[in-house]
């Protein structure tokens, strides 16, 4: 279990953040809203599942396992993660 009271932070340069999905959770009433982004970062970035990422003034959780995004042409390769946040 992460100890968020004693967490460390780092800035990761060279990232691209792309909108992904939004979702409404409901059972006849609105229970919450979820938004997610795809984050592409340098291949060697030290990010694991469950980490928190600050973006656009909000805190997101890394949902799932970071995946390699290997360029088939020999271009820039990245690591991709899904960022997720629930409100409401």
PDB file of N, CA and C in Angstrom:
ATOM      1  N   UNK A   1       0.842  -1.170   0.000  1.00  0.00           N
ATOM      2  CA  UNK A   1       0.000   0.000   0.000  1.00  0.00           C
ATOM      3  C   UNK A   1       0.894   1.241   0.000  1.00  0.00           C
ATOM      4  N   UNK A   2       0.707   2.144  -0.949  1.00  0.00           N
ATOM      5  CA  UNK A   2       1.530   3.355  -0.984  1.00  0.00           C
ATOM      6  C   UNK A   2       1.307   4.237   0.247  1.00  0.00           C
ATOM      7  N   UNK A   3       2.368   4.871   0.682  1.00  0.00           N
ATOM      8  CA  UNK A   3       2.313   5.815   1.797  1.00  0.00           C
ATOM      9  C   UNK A   3       2.284   7.224   1.207  1.00  0.00           C
ATOM     10  N   UNK A   4       1.077   7.722   0.866  1.00  0.00           N
ATOM     11  CA  UNK A   4       0.959   9.009   0.188  1.00  0.00           C
ATOM     12  C   UNK A   4       1.339  10.185   1.082  1.00  0.00           C
ATOM     13  N   UNK A   5       1.358   9.997   2.397  1.00  0.00           N
ATOM     14  CA  UNK A   5       1.781  11.075   3.295  1.00  0.00           C
ATOM     15  C   UNK A   5       3.283  11.331   3.194  1.00  0.00           C
ATOM     16  N   UNK A   6       4.045  10.348   2.726  1.00  0.00           N
ATOM     17  CA  UNK A   6       5.495  10.478   2.607  1.00  0.00           C
ATOM     18  C   UNK A   6       5.963  10.230   1.173  1.00  0.00           C
ATOM     19  N   UNK A   7       5.128  10.580   0.224  1.00  0.00           N
ATOM     20  CA  UNK A   7       5.451  10.347  -1.185  1.00  0.00           C
ATOM     21  C   UNK A   7       6.512  11.329  -1.674  1.00  0.00           C
ATOM     22  N   UNK A   8       7.275  10.896  -2.674  1.00  0.00           N
ATOM     23  CA  UNK A   8       8.222  11.776  -3.340  1.00  0.00           C
ATOM     24  C   UNK A   8       7.642  12.138  -4.703  1.00  0.00           C
ATOM     25  N   UNK A   9       8.160  13.194  -5.302  1.00  0.00           N
ATOM     26  CA  UNK A   9       7.660  13.587  -6.616  1.00  0.00           C
ATOM     27  C   UNK A   9       8.831  13.852  -7.555  1.00  0.00           C
ATOM     28  N   UNK A  10       8.541  13.782  -8.835  1.00  0.00           N
ATOM     29  CA  UNK A  10       9.525  14.047  -9.876  1.00  0.00           C
ATOM     30  C   UNK A  10       8.803  14.626 -11.073  1.00  0.00           C
ATOM     31  N   UNK A  11       9.492  15.472 -11.818  1.00  0.00           N
ATOM     32  CA  UNK A  11       8.949  16.016 -13.056  1.00  0.00           C
ATOM     33  C   UNK A  11       9.488  15.187 -14.214  1.00  0.00           C
ATOM     34  N   UNK A  12       8.604  14.777 -15.108  1.00  0.00           N
ATOM     35  CA  UNK A  12       9.006  13.981 -16.270  1.00  0.00           C
ATOM     36  C   UNK A  12       8.781  14.839 -17.509  1.00  0.00           C
ATOM     37  N   UNK A  13       9.868  15.182 -18.185  1.00  0.00           N
ATOM     38  CA  UNK A  13       9.786  16.000 -19.401  1.00  0.00           C
ATOM     39  C   UNK A  13       9.571  15.111 -20.618  1.00  0.00           C
ATOM     40  N   UNK A  14       9.104  15.704 -21.703  1.00  0.00           N
ATOM     41  CA  UNK A  14       8.954  14.985 -22.960  1.00  0.00           C
ATOM     42  C   UNK A  14       7.737  14.095 -23.028  1.00  0.00           C
ATOM     43  N   UNK A  15       6.668  14.467 -22.341  1.00  0.00           N
ATOM     44  CA  UNK A  15       5.446  13.663 -22.319  1.00  0.00           C
ATOM     45  C   UNK A  15       4.397  14.224 -23.267  1.00  0.00           C
ATOM     46  N   UNK A  16       3.477  13.373 -23.659  1.00  0.00           N
ATOM     47  CA  UNK A  16       2.307  13.773 -24.426  1.00  0.00           C
ATOM     48  C   UNK A  16       1.083  13.207 -23.720  1.00  0.00           C
ATOM     49  N   UNK A  17       0.108  14.061 -23.445  1.00  0.00           N
ATOM     50  CA  UNK A  17      -1.123  13.642 -22.780  1.00  0.00           C
ATOM     51  C   UNK A  17      -2.268  13.818 -23.769  1.00  0.00           C
ATOM     52  N   UNK A  18      -3.001  12.720 -24.014  1.00  0.00           N
ATOM     53  CA  UNK A  18      -4.092  12.730 -24.985  1.00  0.00           C
ATOM     54  C   UNK A  18      -5.397  12.347 -24.302  1.00  0.00           C
ATOM     55  N   UNK A  19      -6.501  13.058 -24.593  1.00  0.00           N
ATOM     56  CA  UNK A  19      -7.784  12.687 -24.004  1.00  0.00           C
ATOM     57  C   UNK A  19      -8.168  11.266 -24.392  1.00  0.00           C
ATOM     58  N   UNK A  20      -8.810  10.575 -23.471  1.00  0.00           N
ATOM     59  CA  UNK A  20      -9.239   9.215 -23.740  1.00  0.00           C
ATOM     60  C   UNK A  20     -10.751   9.114 -23.615  1.00  0.00           C
ATOM     61  N   UNK A  21     -11.268   8.874 -22.413  1.00  0.00           N
ATOM     62  CA  UNK A  21     -12.708   8.685 -22.255  1.00  0.00           C
ATOM     63  C   UNK A  21     -13.232   9.425 -21.043  1.00  0.00           C
ATOM     64  N   UNK A  22     -14.538   9.586 -21.023  1.00  0.00           N
ATOM     65  CA  UNK A  22     -15.252  10.004 -19.824  1.00  0.00           C
ATOM     66  C   UNK A  22     -16.403   9.023 -19.652  1.00  0.00           C
ATOM     67  N   UNK A  23     -16.835   8.863 -18.431  1.00  0.00           N
ATOM     68  CA  UNK A  23     -17.890   7.886 -18.169  1.00  0.00           C
ATOM     69  C   UNK A  23     -18.741   8.384 -17.008  1.00  0.00           C
ATOM     70  N   UNK A  24     -20.014   8.117 -17.091  1.00  0.00           N
ATOM     71  CA  UNK A  24     -20.966   8.454 -16.040  1.00  0.00           C
ATOM     72  C   UNK A  24     -21.355   7.176 -15.326  1.00  0.00           C
ATOM     73  N   UNK A  25     -21.181   7.141 -14.014  1.00  0.00           N
ATOM     74  CA  UNK A  25     -21.586   5.992 -13.210  1.00  0.00           C
ATOM     75  C   UNK A  25     -22.944   6.306 -12.606  1.00  0.00           C
ATOM     76  N   UNK A  26     -23.933   5.471 -12.867  1.00  0.00           N
ATOM     77  CA  UNK A  26     -25.264   5.764 -12.361  1.00  0.00           C
ATOM     78  C   UNK A  26     -26.084   4.498 -12.162  1.00  0.00           C
ATOM     79  N   UNK A  27     -27.054   4.594 -11.302  1.00  0.00           N
ATOM     80  CA  UNK A  27     -28.045   3.536 -11.105  1.00  0.00           C
ATOM     81  C   UNK A  27     -29.399   4.212 -10.909  1.00  0.00           C
ATOM     82  N   UNK A  28     -29.740   5.086 -11.837  1.00  0.00           N
ATOM     83  CA  UNK A  28     -30.955   5.880 -11.718  1.00  0.00           C
ATOM     84  C   UNK A  28     -30.654   7.266 -11.187  1.00  0.00           C
ATOM     85  N   UNK A  29     -29.459   7.450 -10.699  1.00  0.00           N
ATOM     86  CA  UNK A  29     -28.974   8.763 -10.243  1.00  0.00           C
ATOM     87  C   UNK A  29     -27.483   8.816 -10.579  1.00  0.00           C
ATOM     88  N   UNK A  30     -26.930   9.987 -10.616  1.00  0.00           N
ATOM     89  CA  UNK A  30     -25.514  10.129 -10.932  1.00  0.00           C
ATOM     90  C   UNK A  30     -24.691   9.810  -9.687  1.00  0.00           C
ATOM     91  N   UNK A  31     -23.819   8.819  -9.780  1.00  0.00           N
ATOM     92  CA  UNK A  31     -22.961   8.437  -8.660  1.00  0.00           C
ATOM     93  C   UNK A  31     -21.572   9.048  -8.777  1.00  0.00           C
ATOM     94  N   UNK A  32     -21.106   9.262  -9.986  1.00  0.00           N
ATOM     95  CA  UNK A  32     -19.782   9.828 -10.180  1.00  0.00           C
ATOM     96  C   UNK A  32     -19.442   9.951 -11.649  1.00  0.00           C
ATOM     97  N   UNK A  33     -18.426  10.728 -11.902  1.00  0.00           N
ATOM     98  CA  UNK A  33     -17.923  10.924 -13.253  1.00  0.00           C
ATOM     99  C   UNK A  33     -16.470  10.483 -13.293  1.00  0.00           C
ATOM    100  N   UNK A  34     -16.111   9.773 -14.337  1.00  0.00           N
ATOM    101  CA  UNK A  34     -14.744   9.318 -14.521  1.00  0.00           C
ATOM    102  C   UNK A  34     -14.192   9.954 -15.777  1.00  0.00           C
ATOM    103  N   UNK A  35     -12.944  10.420 -15.711  1.00  0.00           N
ATOM    104  CA  UNK A  35     -12.273  10.898 -16.914  1.00  0.00           C
ATOM    105  C   UNK A  35     -10.921  10.224 -16.986  1.00  0.00           C
ATOM    106  N   UNK A  36     -10.465   9.967 -18.207  1.00  0.00           N
ATOM    107  CA  UNK A  36      -9.164   9.334 -18.362  1.00  0.00           C
ATOM    108  C   UNK A  36      -8.405   9.945 -19.533  1.00  0.00           C
ATOM    109  N   UNK A  37      -7.092   9.808 -19.440  1.00  0.00           N
ATOM    110  CA  UNK A  37      -6.171  10.295 -20.462  1.00  0.00           C
ATOM    111  C   UNK A  37      -5.167   9.193 -20.756  1.00  0.00           C
ATOM    112  N   UNK A  38      -4.605   9.207 -21.962  1.00  0.00           N
ATOM    113  CA  UNK A  38      -3.460   8.379 -22.295  1.00  0.00           C
ATOM    114  C   UNK A  38      -2.226   9.247 -22.140  1.00  0.00           C
ATOM    115  N   UNK A  39      -1.265   8.774 -21.362  1.00  0.00           N
ATOM    116  CA  UNK A  39      -0.007   9.484 -21.152  1.00  0.00           C
ATOM    117  C   UNK A  39       1.102   8.698 -21.834  1.00  0.00           C
ATOM    118  N   UNK A  40       1.808   9.370 -22.745  1.00  0.00           N
ATOM    119  CA  UNK A  40       2.970   8.795 -23.409  1.00  0.00           C
ATOM    120  C   UNK A  40       4.187   9.523 -22.847  1.00  0.00           C
ATOM    121  N   UNK A  41       5.117   8.764 -22.279  1.00  0.00           N
ATOM    122  CA  UNK A  41       6.273   9.366 -21.622  1.00  0.00           C
ATOM    123  C   UNK A  41       7.541   8.662 -22.084  1.00  0.00           C
ATOM    124  N   UNK A  42       8.712   9.239 -21.754  1.00  0.00           N
ATOM    125  CA  UNK A  42       9.950   8.571 -22.147  1.00  0.00           C
ATOM    126  C   UNK A  42       9.989   7.132 -21.648  1.00  0.00           C
ATOM    127  N   UNK A  43      10.599   6.277 -22.434  1.00  0.00           N
ATOM    128  CA  UNK A  43      10.621   4.845 -22.167  1.00  0.00           C
ATOM    129  C   UNK A  43      11.212   4.512 -20.802  1.00  0.00           C
ATOM    130  N   UNK A  44      12.157   5.318 -20.334  1.00  0.00           N
ATOM    131  CA  UNK A  44      12.823   5.025 -19.068  1.00  0.00           C
ATOM    132  C   UNK A  44      12.184   5.732 -17.866  1.00  0.00           C
ATOM    133  N   UNK A  45      11.026   6.337 -18.036  1.00  0.00           N
ATOM    134  CA  UNK A  45      10.354   7.029 -16.924  1.00  0.00           C
ATOM    135  C   UNK A  45      10.009   6.025 -15.819  1.00  0.00           C
ATOM    136  N   UNK A  46      10.266   6.427 -14.570  1.00  0.00           N
ATOM    137  CA  UNK A  46      10.029   5.556 -13.417  1.00  0.00           C
ATOM    138  C   UNK A  46       8.586   5.727 -12.928  1.00  0.00           C
ATOM    139  N   UNK A  47       7.664   5.086 -13.629  1.00  0.00           N
ATOM    140  CA  UNK A  47       6.239   5.149 -13.299  1.00  0.00           C
ATOM    141  C   UNK A  47       5.708   3.723 -13.266  1.00  0.00           C
ATOM    142  N   UNK A  48       4.956   3.397 -12.208  1.00  0.00           N
ATOM    143  CA  UNK A  48       4.376   2.063 -12.082  1.00  0.00           C
ATOM    144  C   UNK A  48       2.873   2.176 -11.822  1.00  0.00           C
ATOM    145  N   UNK A  49       2.181   1.040 -11.918  1.00  0.00           N
ATOM    146  CA  UNK A  49       0.735   1.019 -11.663  1.00  0.00           C
ATOM    147  C   UNK A  49       0.462   1.532 -10.255  1.00  0.00           C
ATOM    148  N   UNK A  50      -0.613   2.325 -10.133  1.00  0.00           N
ATOM    149  CA  UNK A  50      -1.006   2.864  -8.840  1.00  0.00           C
ATOM    150  C   UNK A  50      -0.353   4.189  -8.490  1.00  0.00           C
ATOM    151  N   UNK A  51       0.687   4.603  -9.235  1.00  0.00           N
ATOM    152  CA  UNK A  51       1.297   5.909  -8.976  1.00  0.00           C
ATOM    153  C   UNK A  51       0.278   7.016  -9.215  1.00  0.00           C
ATOM    154  N   UNK A  52       0.533   8.158  -8.639  1.00  0.00           N
ATOM    155  CA  UNK A  52      -0.291   9.338  -8.891  1.00  0.00           C
ATOM    156  C   UNK A  52       0.465  10.279  -9.805  1.00  0.00           C
ATOM    157  N   UNK A  53      -0.268  10.882 -10.740  1.00  0.00           N
ATOM    158  CA  UNK A  53       0.297  11.827 -11.693  1.00  0.00           C
ATOM    159  C   UNK A  53      -0.502  13.122 -11.583  1.00  0.00           C
ATOM    160  N   UNK A  54       0.191  14.246 -11.442  1.00  0.00           N
ATOM    161  CA  UNK A  54      -0.453  15.557 -11.437  1.00  0.00           C
ATOM    162  C   UNK A  54      -0.470  16.082 -12.867  1.00  0.00           C
ATOM    163  N   UNK A  55      -1.652  16.475 -13.349  1.00  0.00           N
ATOM    164  CA  UNK A  55      -1.790  17.021 -14.693  1.00  0.00           C
ATOM    165  C   UNK A  55      -2.950  18.005 -14.716  1.00  0.00           C
ATOM    166  N   UNK A  56      -2.718  19.177 -15.247  1.00  0.00           N
ATOM    167  CA  UNK A  56      -3.779  20.168 -15.395  1.00  0.00           C
ATOM    168  C   UNK A  56      -4.433  20.559 -14.087  1.00  0.00           C
ATOM    169  N   UNK A  57      -3.680  20.527 -12.988  1.00  0.00           N
ATOM    170  CA  UNK A  57      -4.226  20.912 -11.693  1.00  0.00           C
ATOM    171  C   UNK A  57      -5.020  19.818 -10.997  1.00  0.00           C
ATOM    172  N   UNK A  58      -5.040  18.611 -11.563  1.00  0.00           N
ATOM    173  CA  UNK A  58      -5.760  17.488 -10.967  1.00  0.00           C
ATOM    174  C   UNK A  58      -4.811  16.328 -10.714  1.00  0.00           C
ATOM    175  N   UNK A  59      -5.197  15.458  -9.791  1.00  0.00           N
ATOM    176  CA  UNK A  59      -4.418  14.271  -9.473  1.00  0.00           C
ATOM    177  C   UNK A  59      -5.093  13.056 -10.107  1.00  0.00           C
ATOM    178  N   UNK A  60      -4.317  12.279 -10.865  1.00  0.00           N
ATOM    179  CA  UNK A  60      -4.808  11.084 -11.544  1.00  0.00           C
ATOM    180  C   UNK A  60      -4.054   9.866 -11.038  1.00  0.00           C
ATOM    181  N   UNK A  61      -4.681   8.710 -11.107  1.00  0.00           N
ATOM    182  CA  UNK A  61      -4.044   7.451 -10.736  1.00  0.00           C
ATOM    183  C   UNK A  61      -3.650   6.715 -12.012  1.00  0.00           C
ATOM    184  N   UNK A  62      -2.455   6.121 -12.004  1.00  0.00           N
ATOM    185  CA  UNK A  62      -2.042   5.273 -13.113  1.00  0.00           C
ATOM    186  C   UNK A  62      -2.849   3.983 -13.011  1.00  0.00           C
ATOM    187  N   UNK A  63      -3.724   3.780 -13.980  1.00  0.00           N
ATOM    188  CA  UNK A  63      -4.634   2.633 -13.990  1.00  0.00           C
ATOM    189  C   UNK A  63      -4.034   1.528 -14.852  1.00  0.00           C
ATOM    190  N   UNK A  64      -3.740   0.404 -14.254  1.00  0.00           N
ATOM    191  CA  UNK A  64      -3.161  -0.707 -15.001  1.00  0.00           C
ATOM    192  C   UNK A  64      -1.645  -0.633 -15.054  1.00  0.00           C
ATOM    193  N   UNK A  65      -1.067  -1.499 -15.853  1.00  0.00           N
ATOM    194  CA  UNK A  65       0.381  -1.637 -15.955  1.00  0.00           C
ATOM    195  C   UNK A  65       0.904  -0.783 -17.108  1.00  0.00           C
ATOM    196  N   UNK A  66       1.965   0.003 -16.877  1.00  0.00           N
ATOM    197  CA  UNK A  66       2.577   0.760 -17.982  1.00  0.00           C
ATOM    198  C   UNK A  66       3.022  -0.193 -19.093  1.00  0.00           C
ATOM    199  N   UNK A  67       2.789   0.229 -20.340  1.00  0.00           N
ATOM    200  CA  UNK A  67       3.101  -0.622 -21.486  1.00  0.00           C
ATOM    201  C   UNK A  67       4.090   0.064 -22.414  1.00  0.00           C
ATOM    202  N   UNK A  68       4.992  -0.718 -23.004  1.00  0.00           N
ATOM    203  CA  UNK A  68       5.898  -0.128 -23.990  1.00  0.00           C
ATOM    204  C   UNK A  68       5.148   0.197 -25.276  1.00  0.00           C
ATOM    205  N   UNK A  69       5.509   1.300 -25.877  1.00  0.00           N
ATOM    206  CA  UNK A  69       4.935   1.725 -27.151  1.00  0.00           C
ATOM    207  C   UNK A  69       6.136   1.849 -28.096  1.00  0.00           C
ATOM    208  N   UNK A  70       6.473   0.747 -28.756  1.00  0.00           N
ATOM    209  CA  UNK A  70       7.680   0.652 -29.563  1.00  0.00           C
ATOM    210  C   UNK A  70       7.391   1.116 -30.990  1.00  0.00           C
ATOM    211  N   UNK A  71       8.233   2.018 -31.480  1.00  0.00           N
ATOM    212  CA  UNK A  71       8.075   2.511 -32.845  1.00  0.00           C
ATOM    213  C   UNK A  71       8.471   1.424 -33.847  1.00  0.00           C
ATOM    214  N   UNK A  72       7.596   1.105 -34.801  1.00  0.00           N
ATOM    215  CA  UNK A  72       7.932   0.086 -35.797  1.00  0.00           C
ATOM    216  C   UNK A  72       8.934   0.599 -36.832  1.00  0.00           C
ATOM    217  N   UNK A  73       9.166   1.909 -36.872  1.00  0.00           N
ATOM    218  CA  UNK A  73      10.066   2.490 -37.876  1.00  0.00           C
ATOM    219  C   UNK A  73      11.411   2.900 -37.294  1.00  0.00           C
ATOM    220  N   UNK A  74      11.620   2.618 -36.005  1.00  0.00           N
ATOM    221  CA  UNK A  74      12.876   3.018 -35.375  1.00  0.00           C
ATOM    222  C   UNK A  74      12.825   4.430 -34.815  1.00  0.00           C
ATOM    223  N   UNK A  75      11.671   5.053 -34.860  1.00  0.00           N
ATOM    224  CA  UNK A  75      11.506   6.391 -34.292  1.00  0.00           C
ATOM    225  C   UNK A  75      11.453   6.332 -32.776  1.00  0.00           C
ATOM    226  N   UNK A  76      10.972   7.375 -32.181  1.00  0.00           N
ATOM    227  CA  UNK A  76      10.895   7.492 -30.730  1.00  0.00           C
ATOM    228  C   UNK A  76       9.946   6.460 -30.140  1.00  0.00           C
ATOM    229  N   UNK A  77      10.433   5.689 -29.168  1.00  0.00           N
ATOM    230  CA  UNK A  77       9.591   4.748 -28.443  1.00  0.00           C
ATOM    231  C   UNK A  77       9.213   5.355 -27.106  1.00  0.00           C
ATOM    232  N   UNK A  78       8.064   4.977 -26.584  1.00  0.00           N
ATOM    233  CA  UNK A  78       7.536   5.544 -25.352  1.00  0.00           C
ATOM    234  C   UNK A  78       7.017   4.461 -24.436  1.00  0.00           C
ATOM    235  N   UNK A  79       6.661   4.908 -23.236  1.00  0.00           N
ATOM    236  CA  UNK A  79       5.904   4.078 -22.303  1.00  0.00           C
ATOM    237  C   UNK A  79       4.526   4.721 -22.223  1.00  0.00           C
ATOM    238  N   UNK A  80       3.461   3.923 -22.274  1.00  0.00           N
ATOM    239  CA  UNK A  80       2.094   4.443 -22.251  1.00  0.00           C
ATOM    240  C   UNK A  80       1.396   3.959 -21.004  1.00  0.00           C
ATOM    241  N   UNK A  81       0.675   4.884 -20.356  1.00  0.00           N
ATOM    242  CA  UNK A  81      -0.171   4.535 -19.220  1.00  0.00           C
ATOM    243  C   UNK A  81      -1.514   5.237 -19.381  1.00  0.00           C
ATOM    244  N   UNK A  82      -2.503   4.695 -18.700  1.00  0.00           N
ATOM    245  CA  UNK A  82      -3.818   5.326 -18.636  1.00  0.00           C
ATOM    246  C   UNK A  82      -3.934   6.040 -17.308  1.00  0.00           C
ATOM    247  N   UNK A  83      -4.282   7.323 -17.359  1.00  0.00           N
ATOM    248  CA  UNK A  83      -4.517   8.123 -16.150  1.00  0.00           C
ATOM    249  C   UNK A  83      -6.011   8.177 -15.919  1.00  0.00           C
ATOM    250  N   UNK A  84      -6.443   8.006 -14.676  1.00  0.00           N
ATOM    251  CA  UNK A  84      -7.866   7.959 -14.360  1.00  0.00           C
ATOM    252  C   UNK A  84      -8.161   8.781 -13.116  1.00  0.00           C
ATOM    253  N   UNK A  85      -9.327   9.445 -13.148  1.00  0.00           N
ATOM    254  CA  UNK A  85      -9.769  10.246 -11.997  1.00  0.00           C
ATOM    255  C   UNK A  85     -11.284  10.153 -11.901  1.00  0.00           C
ATOM    256  N   UNK A  86     -11.773   9.972 -10.676  1.00  0.00           N
ATOM    257  CA  UNK A  86     -13.213   9.935 -10.400  1.00  0.00           C
ATOM    258  C   UNK A  86     -13.609  11.173  -9.605  1.00  0.00           C
ATOM    259  N   UNK A  87     -14.746  11.759  -9.929  1.00  0.00           N
ATOM    260  CA  UNK A  87     -15.297  12.876  -9.161  1.00  0.00           C
ATOM    261  C   UNK A  87     -16.761  12.584  -8.866  1.00  0.00           C
ATOM    262  N   UNK A  88     -17.269  13.260  -7.868  1.00  0.00           N
ATOM    263  CA  UNK A  88     -18.697  13.148  -7.572  1.00  0.00           C
ATOM    264  C   UNK A  88     -19.034  12.199  -6.486  1.00  0.00           C
TER     265      UNK A  88
END
